[in-house]
Amino acid sequence: NSELNDETGEISDVLFDEIFGKGKRAATAEDFVKKFLRGRQNDNRATIEEVRELFSELNGMELSGTTRRVGEDGTPDDYAIDRTAWREYLMSKKNDLYCPEKRRLDESMLDKPLTAYWI
């Protein structure tokens, strides 16, 4: 649905401007950690190395048959993401609201009758 894609693009651009600065073309890994993960998400667990790994993955993705480039000279840059990669990140499983450790079932916590749980 192109209307949904347009709306998602507009929202992601507003967020990008709000977090990283209006008119900026790309966000550095350092800004991503400081302004987004720590500043907005209150996530103090992520490291700069993990973010660079994420950026490498995002920048390696192909959309519409072309690889995104964010470096000033047109070369891939694993130290920054552009607005397209930002939008992809927001819509991906990598942008997980849940702590991965808490997604594992701990059967020892299931000690009440079945009717006591929300199903």
N, C-alpha and C. Protein backbone atom coordinates (compact mmCIF):
# COMPACT_ATOMS: atom_id res chain seq x y z
N ASN A 1 0.85 -1.17 0.00
CA ASN A 1 0.00 0.00 0.00
C ASN A 1 0.89 1.24 0.00
N SER A 2 0.89 1.99 -1.08
CA SER A 2 1.78 3.14 -1.20
C SER A 2 1.41 4.26 -0.23
N GLU A 3 0.12 4.37 0.12
CA GLU A 3 -0.29 5.40 1.08
C GLU A 3 0.34 5.14 2.44
N LEU A 4 0.36 3.87 2.85
CA LEU A 4 0.98 3.49 4.12
C LEU A 4 2.48 3.75 4.08
N ASN A 5 3.13 3.40 2.96
CA ASN A 5 4.57 3.65 2.83
C ASN A 5 4.88 5.14 2.89
N ASP A 6 4.05 5.98 2.26
CA ASP A 6 4.25 7.42 2.31
C ASP A 6 4.11 7.93 3.73
N GLU A 7 3.08 7.44 4.44
CA GLU A 7 2.85 7.86 5.82
C GLU A 7 4.00 7.42 6.72
N THR A 8 4.46 6.18 6.54
CA THR A 8 5.58 5.67 7.33
C THR A 8 6.84 6.49 7.06
N GLY A 9 7.06 6.84 5.80
CA GLY A 9 8.21 7.66 5.44
C GLY A 9 8.15 9.03 6.08
N GLU A 10 6.97 9.63 6.08
CA GLU A 10 6.82 10.95 6.70
C GLU A 10 7.09 10.88 8.20
N ILE A 11 6.55 9.88 8.86
CA ILE A 11 6.75 9.73 10.30
C ILE A 11 8.22 9.49 10.61
N SER A 12 8.85 8.61 9.84
CA SER A 12 10.26 8.32 10.11
C SER A 12 11.13 9.54 9.85
N ASP A 13 10.79 10.36 8.85
CA ASP A 13 11.54 11.59 8.60
C ASP A 13 11.37 12.59 9.74
N VAL A 14 10.16 12.71 10.26
CA VAL A 14 9.91 13.61 11.39
C VAL A 14 10.74 13.16 12.60
N LEU A 15 10.73 11.85 12.87
CA LEU A 15 11.53 11.32 13.98
C LEU A 15 13.02 11.55 13.75
N PHE A 16 13.47 11.29 12.53
CA PHE A 16 14.89 11.48 12.21
C PHE A 16 15.30 12.92 12.47
N ASP A 17 14.49 13.88 11.97
CA ASP A 17 14.77 15.31 12.17
C ASP A 17 14.78 15.66 13.66
N GLU A 18 13.81 15.14 14.37
CA GLU A 18 13.67 15.45 15.79
C GLU A 18 14.84 14.90 16.61
N ILE A 19 15.29 13.72 16.27
CA ILE A 19 16.34 13.06 17.05
C ILE A 19 17.74 13.49 16.61
N PHE A 20 17.98 13.50 15.30
CA PHE A 20 19.34 13.71 14.80
C PHE A 20 19.59 15.11 14.25
N GLY A 21 18.55 15.88 14.02
CA GLY A 21 18.72 17.24 13.52
C GLY A 21 18.05 17.43 12.17
N LYS A 22 17.31 18.49 12.07
CA LYS A 22 16.57 18.78 10.84
C LYS A 22 17.54 18.98 9.67
N GLY A 23 17.22 18.34 8.59
CA GLY A 23 18.03 18.49 7.38
C GLY A 23 19.26 17.62 7.31
N LYS A 24 19.58 16.89 8.39
CA LYS A 24 20.74 16.00 8.34
C LYS A 24 20.45 14.84 7.39
N ARG A 25 21.45 14.47 6.64
CA ARG A 25 21.32 13.41 5.65
C ARG A 25 21.53 12.03 6.25
N ALA A 26 22.38 11.97 7.30
CA ALA A 26 22.72 10.69 7.91
C ALA A 26 22.93 10.87 9.40
N ALA A 27 22.84 9.76 10.12
CA ALA A 27 23.09 9.74 11.56
C ALA A 27 24.30 8.86 11.81
N THR A 28 25.24 9.35 12.58
CA THR A 28 26.43 8.56 12.90
C THR A 28 26.08 7.52 13.95
N ALA A 29 26.93 6.52 14.07
CA ALA A 29 26.73 5.48 15.08
C ALA A 29 26.77 6.09 16.47
N GLU A 30 27.65 7.06 16.67
CA GLU A 30 27.75 7.72 17.97
C GLU A 30 26.46 8.46 18.31
N ASP A 31 25.91 9.19 17.33
CA ASP A 31 24.64 9.90 17.55
C ASP A 31 23.49 8.92 17.78
N PHE A 32 23.51 7.81 17.06
CA PHE A 32 22.47 6.79 17.20
C PHE A 32 22.44 6.26 18.63
N VAL A 33 23.64 5.97 19.17
CA VAL A 33 23.73 5.47 20.54
C VAL A 33 23.29 6.55 21.52
N LYS A 34 23.90 7.73 21.40
CA LYS A 34 23.67 8.80 22.38
C LYS A 34 22.25 9.38 22.30
N LYS A 35 21.81 9.75 21.11
CA LYS A 35 20.55 10.48 20.96
C LYS A 35 19.32 9.57 20.87
N PHE A 36 19.49 8.41 20.22
CA PHE A 36 18.33 7.54 20.05
C PHE A 36 18.25 6.45 21.11
N LEU A 37 19.26 5.58 21.14
CA LEU A 37 19.19 4.44 22.07
C LEU A 37 19.19 4.88 23.52
N ARG A 38 20.11 5.76 23.88
CA ARG A 38 20.17 6.19 25.28
C ARG A 38 19.20 7.33 25.56
N GLY A 39 19.13 8.31 24.66
CA GLY A 39 18.30 9.48 24.88
C GLY A 39 16.81 9.23 24.75
N ARG A 40 16.40 8.45 23.75
CA ARG A 40 14.98 8.22 23.52
C ARG A 40 14.49 6.89 24.07
N GLN A 41 15.29 5.86 23.87
CA GLN A 41 14.86 4.51 24.24
C GLN A 41 15.28 4.13 25.67
N ASN A 42 16.12 4.93 26.28
CA ASN A 42 16.66 4.62 27.62
C ASN A 42 17.33 3.25 27.65
N ASP A 43 18.01 2.89 26.57
CA ASP A 43 18.71 1.62 26.47
C ASP A 43 20.20 1.87 26.65
N ASN A 44 20.71 1.48 27.81
CA ASN A 44 22.12 1.69 28.10
C ASN A 44 22.96 0.45 27.85
N ARG A 45 22.36 -0.59 27.29
CA ARG A 45 23.07 -1.85 27.07
C ARG A 45 23.82 -1.89 25.75
N ALA A 46 23.34 -1.21 24.73
CA ALA A 46 23.93 -1.29 23.40
C ALA A 46 25.31 -0.65 23.37
N THR A 47 26.22 -1.29 22.65
CA THR A 47 27.57 -0.75 22.50
C THR A 47 27.73 -0.15 21.11
N ILE A 48 28.73 0.69 20.96
CA ILE A 48 29.01 1.29 19.66
C ILE A 48 29.36 0.22 18.64
N GLU A 49 30.02 -0.84 19.07
CA GLU A 49 30.38 -1.94 18.16
C GLU A 49 29.12 -2.63 17.63
N GLU A 50 28.14 -2.85 18.51
CA GLU A 50 26.88 -3.47 18.09
C GLU A 50 26.13 -2.58 17.10
N VAL A 51 26.17 -1.29 17.33
CA VAL A 51 25.50 -0.35 16.43
C VAL A 51 26.20 -0.33 15.07
N ARG A 52 27.51 -0.35 15.07
CA ARG A 52 28.24 -0.38 13.79
C ARG A 52 27.95 -1.66 13.02
N GLU A 53 27.82 -2.77 13.74
CA GLU A 53 27.44 -4.04 13.10
C GLU A 53 26.05 -3.94 12.50
N LEU A 54 25.12 -3.33 13.24
CA LEU A 54 23.77 -3.10 12.73
C LEU A 54 23.80 -2.22 11.49
N PHE A 55 24.58 -1.13 11.54
CA PHE A 55 24.68 -0.22 10.40
C PHE A 55 25.26 -0.92 9.19
N SER A 56 26.25 -1.78 9.41
CA SER A 56 26.84 -2.54 8.31
C SER A 56 25.78 -3.39 7.63
N GLU A 57 24.96 -4.04 8.45
CA GLU A 57 23.87 -4.87 7.91
C GLU A 57 22.85 -4.02 7.17
N LEU A 58 22.42 -2.92 7.77
CA LEU A 58 21.43 -2.05 7.14
C LEU A 58 21.96 -1.45 5.84
N ASN A 59 23.20 -1.01 5.84
CA ASN A 59 23.78 -0.39 4.65
C ASN A 59 24.07 -1.40 3.55
N GLY A 60 24.14 -2.68 3.91
CA GLY A 60 24.37 -3.71 2.91
C GLY A 60 23.10 -4.19 2.23
N MET A 61 21.95 -3.80 2.79
CA MET A 61 20.66 -4.20 2.21
C MET A 61 20.45 -3.49 0.88
N GLU A 62 19.73 -4.15 0.01
CA GLU A 62 19.42 -3.53 -1.27
C GLU A 62 17.93 -3.23 -1.34
N LEU A 63 17.62 -2.06 -1.80
CA LEU A 63 16.23 -1.65 -2.03
C LEU A 63 16.12 -1.21 -3.47
N SER A 64 15.14 -1.71 -4.15
CA SER A 64 14.91 -1.36 -5.55
C SER A 64 16.16 -1.60 -6.40
N GLY A 65 16.92 -2.64 -6.03
CA GLY A 65 18.07 -3.02 -6.85
C GLY A 65 19.31 -2.17 -6.67
N THR A 66 19.31 -1.19 -5.76
CA THR A 66 20.50 -0.38 -5.56
C THR A 66 20.91 -0.41 -4.10
N THR A 67 22.19 -0.50 -3.87
CA THR A 67 22.70 -0.47 -2.50
C THR A 67 22.77 0.97 -2.04
N ARG A 68 22.30 1.23 -0.85
CA ARG A 68 22.33 2.58 -0.31
C ARG A 68 23.76 3.00 -0.01
N ARG A 69 24.05 4.25 -0.18
CA ARG A 69 25.34 4.82 0.14
C ARG A 69 25.10 6.03 1.04
N VAL A 70 25.91 6.20 2.06
CA VAL A 70 25.73 7.36 2.92
C VAL A 70 26.98 8.20 3.08
N GLY A 71 28.13 7.69 2.69
CA GLY A 71 29.35 8.47 2.82
C GLY A 71 29.31 9.69 1.91
N GLU A 72 29.99 10.74 2.31
CA GLU A 72 30.00 11.98 1.52
C GLU A 72 30.54 11.73 0.11
N ASP A 73 31.46 10.79 -0.01
CA ASP A 73 32.04 10.52 -1.32
C ASP A 73 31.31 9.41 -2.07
N GLY A 74 30.15 8.96 -1.53
CA GLY A 74 29.35 7.95 -2.21
C GLY A 74 29.71 6.52 -1.85
N THR A 75 30.65 6.32 -0.93
CA THR A 75 31.04 4.96 -0.54
C THR A 75 30.21 4.51 0.64
N PRO A 76 30.01 3.20 0.79
CA PRO A 76 29.25 2.71 1.94
C PRO A 76 29.94 3.12 3.24
N ASP A 77 29.16 3.45 4.24
CA ASP A 77 29.72 3.91 5.50
C ASP A 77 29.04 3.15 6.63
N ASP A 78 29.79 2.30 7.32
CA ASP A 78 29.22 1.52 8.42
C ASP A 78 29.23 2.30 9.73
N TYR A 79 29.60 3.56 9.66
CA TYR A 79 29.60 4.40 10.84
C TYR A 79 28.41 5.38 10.82
N ALA A 80 27.52 5.22 9.82
CA ALA A 80 26.35 6.09 9.72
C ALA A 80 25.26 5.39 8.91
N ILE A 81 24.01 5.84 9.13
CA ILE A 81 22.90 5.37 8.29
C ILE A 81 22.16 6.58 7.75
N ASP A 82 21.61 6.41 6.55
CA ASP A 82 20.82 7.48 5.96
C ASP A 82 19.35 7.30 6.35
N ARG A 83 18.51 8.17 5.84
CA ARG A 83 17.10 8.15 6.21
C ARG A 83 16.39 6.87 5.74
N THR A 84 16.81 6.33 4.62
CA THR A 84 16.20 5.09 4.12
C THR A 84 16.53 3.93 5.04
N ALA A 85 17.80 3.85 5.46
CA ALA A 85 18.21 2.79 6.38
C ALA A 85 17.52 2.97 7.73
N TRP A 86 17.36 4.21 8.17
CA TRP A 86 16.64 4.52 9.41
C TRP A 86 15.22 3.97 9.33
N ARG A 87 14.54 4.23 8.23
CA ARG A 87 13.16 3.75 8.04
C ARG A 87 13.13 2.22 8.06
N GLU A 88 14.10 1.60 7.40
CA GLU A 88 14.17 0.14 7.40
C GLU A 88 14.37 -0.39 8.82
N TYR A 89 15.23 0.28 9.57
CA TYR A 89 15.48 -0.13 10.95
C TYR A 89 14.20 -0.05 11.78
N LEU A 90 13.49 1.06 11.66
CA LEU A 90 12.26 1.24 12.45
C LEU A 90 11.23 0.16 12.17
N MET A 91 11.20 -0.34 10.95
CA MET A 91 10.20 -1.33 10.55
C MET A 91 10.71 -2.77 10.68
N SER A 92 11.93 -2.95 11.15
CA SER A 92 12.53 -4.29 11.19
C SER A 92 12.45 -4.92 12.57
N LYS A 93 12.77 -6.21 12.62
CA LYS A 93 12.83 -6.93 13.89
C LYS A 93 14.01 -6.45 14.74
N LYS A 94 14.96 -5.80 14.11
CA LYS A 94 16.12 -5.28 14.85
C LYS A 94 15.68 -4.19 15.84
N ASN A 95 14.59 -3.54 15.56
CA ASN A 95 14.04 -2.50 16.45
C ASN A 95 13.04 -3.17 17.37
N ASP A 96 13.55 -3.99 18.26
CA ASP A 96 12.72 -4.81 19.14
C ASP A 96 12.46 -4.10 20.45
N LEU A 97 11.20 -4.01 20.83
CA LEU A 97 10.83 -3.37 22.08
C LEU A 97 11.06 -4.27 23.29
N TYR A 98 11.26 -5.54 23.05
CA TYR A 98 11.40 -6.48 24.15
C TYR A 98 12.84 -6.87 24.35
N CYS A 99 13.20 -7.11 25.58
CA CYS A 99 14.52 -7.62 25.91
C CYS A 99 14.58 -9.08 25.44
N PRO A 100 15.53 -9.45 24.58
CA PRO A 100 15.57 -10.82 24.06
C PRO A 100 15.60 -11.89 25.15
N GLU A 101 16.26 -11.59 26.27
CA GLU A 101 16.33 -12.57 27.35
C GLU A 101 14.95 -12.89 27.92
N LYS A 102 14.07 -11.90 27.88
CA LYS A 102 12.74 -12.09 28.46
C LYS A 102 11.77 -12.79 27.52
N ARG A 103 12.19 -13.03 26.28
CA ARG A 103 11.32 -13.71 25.34
C ARG A 103 11.40 -15.23 25.49
N ARG A 104 12.40 -15.71 26.20
CA ARG A 104 12.53 -17.15 26.43
C ARG A 104 11.56 -17.58 27.52
N LEU A 105 10.92 -18.68 27.31
CA LEU A 105 9.96 -19.20 28.27
C LEU A 105 10.70 -19.80 29.46
N ASP A 106 10.35 -19.34 30.64
CA ASP A 106 10.90 -19.88 31.87
C ASP A 106 9.77 -20.68 32.54
N GLU A 107 9.77 -21.98 32.31
CA GLU A 107 8.68 -22.82 32.80
C GLU A 107 8.59 -22.84 34.32
N SER A 108 9.68 -22.53 34.99
CA SER A 108 9.63 -22.52 36.45
C SER A 108 8.72 -21.41 36.98
N MET A 109 8.44 -20.42 36.15
CA MET A 109 7.56 -19.32 36.57
C MET A 109 6.08 -19.66 36.37
N LEU A 110 5.83 -20.76 35.70
CA LEU A 110 4.45 -21.17 35.43
C LEU A 110 3.98 -22.14 36.52
N ASP A 111 3.79 -21.61 37.73
CA ASP A 111 3.44 -22.48 38.85
C ASP A 111 2.01 -22.26 39.35
N LYS A 112 1.23 -21.50 38.60
CA LYS A 112 -0.17 -21.24 38.97
C LYS A 112 -1.10 -22.04 38.07
N PRO A 113 -2.36 -22.21 38.47
CA PRO A 113 -3.32 -22.88 37.58
C PRO A 113 -3.47 -22.11 36.27
N LEU A 114 -3.76 -22.80 35.20
CA LEU A 114 -3.89 -22.19 33.89
C LEU A 114 -4.85 -21.01 33.85
N THR A 115 -5.88 -21.06 34.64
CA THR A 115 -6.88 -19.96 34.66
C THR A 115 -6.32 -18.67 35.25
N ALA A 116 -5.17 -18.72 35.87
CA ALA A 116 -4.57 -17.52 36.46
C ALA A 116 -3.80 -16.69 35.44
N TYR A 117 -3.61 -17.21 34.22
CA TYR A 117 -2.83 -16.53 33.20
C TYR A 117 -3.73 -15.92 32.13
N TRP A 118 -3.31 -14.78 31.64
CA TRP A 118 -4.02 -14.12 30.54
C TRP A 118 -3.69 -14.87 29.25
N ILE A 119 -4.71 -15.33 28.57
CA ILE A 119 -4.50 -16.09 27.34
C ILE A 119 -5.18 -15.37 26.20
